[in-house]
Each structure stands twice: as structure tokens, then as C-alpha cells.
Amino acid sequence: MTTAASQPGGYAATPGNARMHAHESVPHRLSTETKASFKTTEFFAYLAAVAGVLLASQLVGTADNHEDYFRADRAWLYIVILTVGYMVSRGLAKSGSREPYDAR
């Protein structure tokens, strides 16, 4: 049986985010993980917002010989802003996920 190198405190090092006592055979988690991004409500809100921007850009057009009020370049700018906001929110969710995990 191969064992991992022992660390101070009687723990053995294991791959990933787990530790186990030298006498245990099953590692346990030390901290919680965030959900996968596609399982969160913020992902679905992001998708709905992107779809709304694209739909609004398509539906809003010219009227009475005026120029297009909501052109494609403006729609894509809003989508980029939404994407940056979503990425920041996921980063904040991941950075705040290091809380103790006591369940075994």
C-alpha cells in the first residue's frame, strides 16, 4: 500500500483539496466548493439578459426615416459589459468559497 508523505499534525497529503489522518483510508474535504457555473441562477440571468439585448437590438429599428436607435455595435457593447459583470460575479463567488467544511 502506498501512502502519501506525512505532514505536521498527523495528516497525510492528498491530491486536490483534501487531507486525511495518517490512519484513515478515505480523505475528507477541508473547504466547500462553489457550484459549477451552469448550475447557478446568475448564469441563467446572464443568458436571459444577453437574449434580451439581442432581441431588443433586432426588434428596435428605424421609424419615420430616423436612424436605427439600437444598432448592433451598441448591443454587442452591452453584451460585453454583461459578460464582464458575470465573470466578476463568478470570481467573487469563487474567492469567497474558502470556508471550513466539517462534514465527513
Protein backbone atom coordinates (compact mmCIF):
# COMPACT_ATOMS: atom_id res chain seq x y z
CA MET A 1 0.00 0.00 0.00
CA THR A 2 1.40 3.35 -0.99
CA THR A 3 0.87 6.21 1.45
CA ALA A 4 1.27 9.91 0.93
CA ALA A 5 4.01 11.82 2.68
CA SER A 6 3.09 12.69 6.23
CA GLN A 7 2.64 16.34 7.13
CA PRO A 8 2.84 18.01 10.56
CA GLY A 9 -0.17 17.31 12.75
CA GLY A 10 -0.55 13.68 11.72
CA TYR A 11 -2.11 14.46 8.34
CA ALA A 12 -1.16 12.91 5.02
CA ALA A 13 -1.02 14.96 1.84
CA THR A 14 -3.55 14.03 -0.84
CA PRO A 15 -4.26 15.44 -4.29
CA GLY A 16 -6.72 18.29 -4.52
CA ASN A 17 -8.33 19.98 -1.57
CA ALA A 18 -8.42 17.08 0.87
CA ARG A 19 -6.50 15.86 3.87
CA MET A 20 -6.66 12.66 5.79
CA HIS A 21 -5.28 11.42 9.06
CA ALA A 22 -2.36 9.04 8.63
CA HIS A 23 -4.53 6.19 9.97
CA GLU A 24 -7.56 6.94 7.72
CA SER A 25 -8.04 5.48 4.28
CA VAL A 26 -10.61 7.96 2.95
CA PRO A 27 -9.74 11.67 2.62
CA HIS A 28 -12.20 14.33 3.76
CA ARG A 29 -12.73 17.85 2.45
CA LEU A 30 -11.29 20.89 4.17
CA SER A 31 -13.37 23.56 2.46
CA THR A 32 -16.53 23.85 0.39
CA GLU A 33 -16.59 24.25 -3.37
CA THR A 34 -18.76 26.58 -5.38
CA LYS A 35 -21.28 25.16 -7.81
CA ALA A 36 -20.43 24.76 -11.45
CA SER A 37 -21.31 27.97 -13.28
CA PHE A 38 -24.08 26.41 -15.37
CA LYS A 39 -25.91 25.32 -12.19
CA THR A 40 -26.32 28.83 -10.78
CA THR A 41 -29.19 31.27 -11.14
CA GLU A 42 -26.78 34.04 -12.11
CA PHE A 43 -25.85 32.05 -15.23
CA PHE A 44 -29.49 31.82 -16.30
CA ALA A 45 -30.00 35.51 -15.52
CA TYR A 46 -26.94 36.28 -17.68
CA LEU A 47 -28.29 34.19 -20.56
CA ALA A 48 -31.70 35.87 -20.30
CA ALA A 49 -30.09 39.33 -20.30
CA VAL A 50 -27.96 38.51 -23.36
CA ALA A 51 -31.01 37.12 -25.18
CA GLY A 52 -32.97 40.25 -24.22
CA VAL A 53 -30.28 42.57 -25.56
CA LEU A 54 -30.03 40.65 -28.83
CA LEU A 55 -33.80 40.51 -29.20
CA ALA A 56 -34.19 44.22 -28.46
CA SER A 57 -31.47 45.06 -30.95
CA GLN A 58 -33.25 43.05 -33.62
CA LEU A 59 -36.74 44.41 -32.89
CA VAL A 60 -35.89 48.10 -32.43
CA GLY A 61 -35.38 49.53 -35.84
CA THR A 62 -35.83 52.63 -37.83
CA ALA A 63 -39.07 54.54 -37.87
CA ASP A 64 -40.17 57.57 -39.86
CA ASN A 65 -36.84 57.86 -41.70
CA HIS A 66 -34.80 58.12 -38.49
CA GLU A 67 -31.58 56.24 -37.94
CA ASP A 68 -31.53 52.92 -36.08
CA TYR A 69 -31.82 53.64 -32.34
CA PHE A 70 -30.27 50.38 -31.12
CA ARG A 71 -27.59 49.33 -33.55
CA ALA A 72 -25.71 46.03 -33.42
CA ASP A 73 -22.47 47.62 -32.21
CA ARG A 74 -24.24 49.04 -29.17
CA ALA A 75 -25.92 45.69 -28.49
CA TRP A 76 -22.56 43.90 -28.57
CA LEU A 77 -21.08 46.54 -26.25
CA TYR A 78 -23.86 45.79 -23.75
CA ILE A 79 -23.22 42.06 -24.10
CA VAL A 80 -19.51 42.60 -23.37
CA ILE A 81 -20.44 44.63 -20.28
CA LEU A 82 -22.80 41.86 -19.15
CA THR A 83 -20.08 39.26 -19.71
CA VAL A 84 -17.52 41.19 -17.68
CA GLY A 85 -20.07 41.59 -14.89
CA TYR A 86 -20.82 37.88 -14.94
CA MET A 87 -17.12 37.00 -14.85
CA VAL A 88 -16.56 39.33 -11.89
CA SER A 89 -19.52 37.79 -10.03
CA ARG A 90 -18.14 34.26 -10.61
CA GLY A 91 -14.71 35.38 -9.44
CA LEU A 92 -16.20 36.82 -6.26
CA ALA A 93 -18.18 33.63 -5.69
CA LYS A 94 -15.05 31.51 -6.05
CA SER A 95 -12.87 33.80 -3.91
CA GLY A 96 -15.35 33.69 -1.03
CA SER A 97 -15.79 29.92 -1.06
CA ARG A 98 -13.00 29.01 1.35
CA GLU A 99 -14.99 28.37 4.47
CA PRO A 100 -14.36 25.39 6.76
CA TYR A 101 -16.02 22.15 5.81
CA ASP A 102 -16.61 19.99 8.86
CA ALA A 103 -18.78 17.20 7.43
CA ARG A 104 -17.05 13.85 7.00
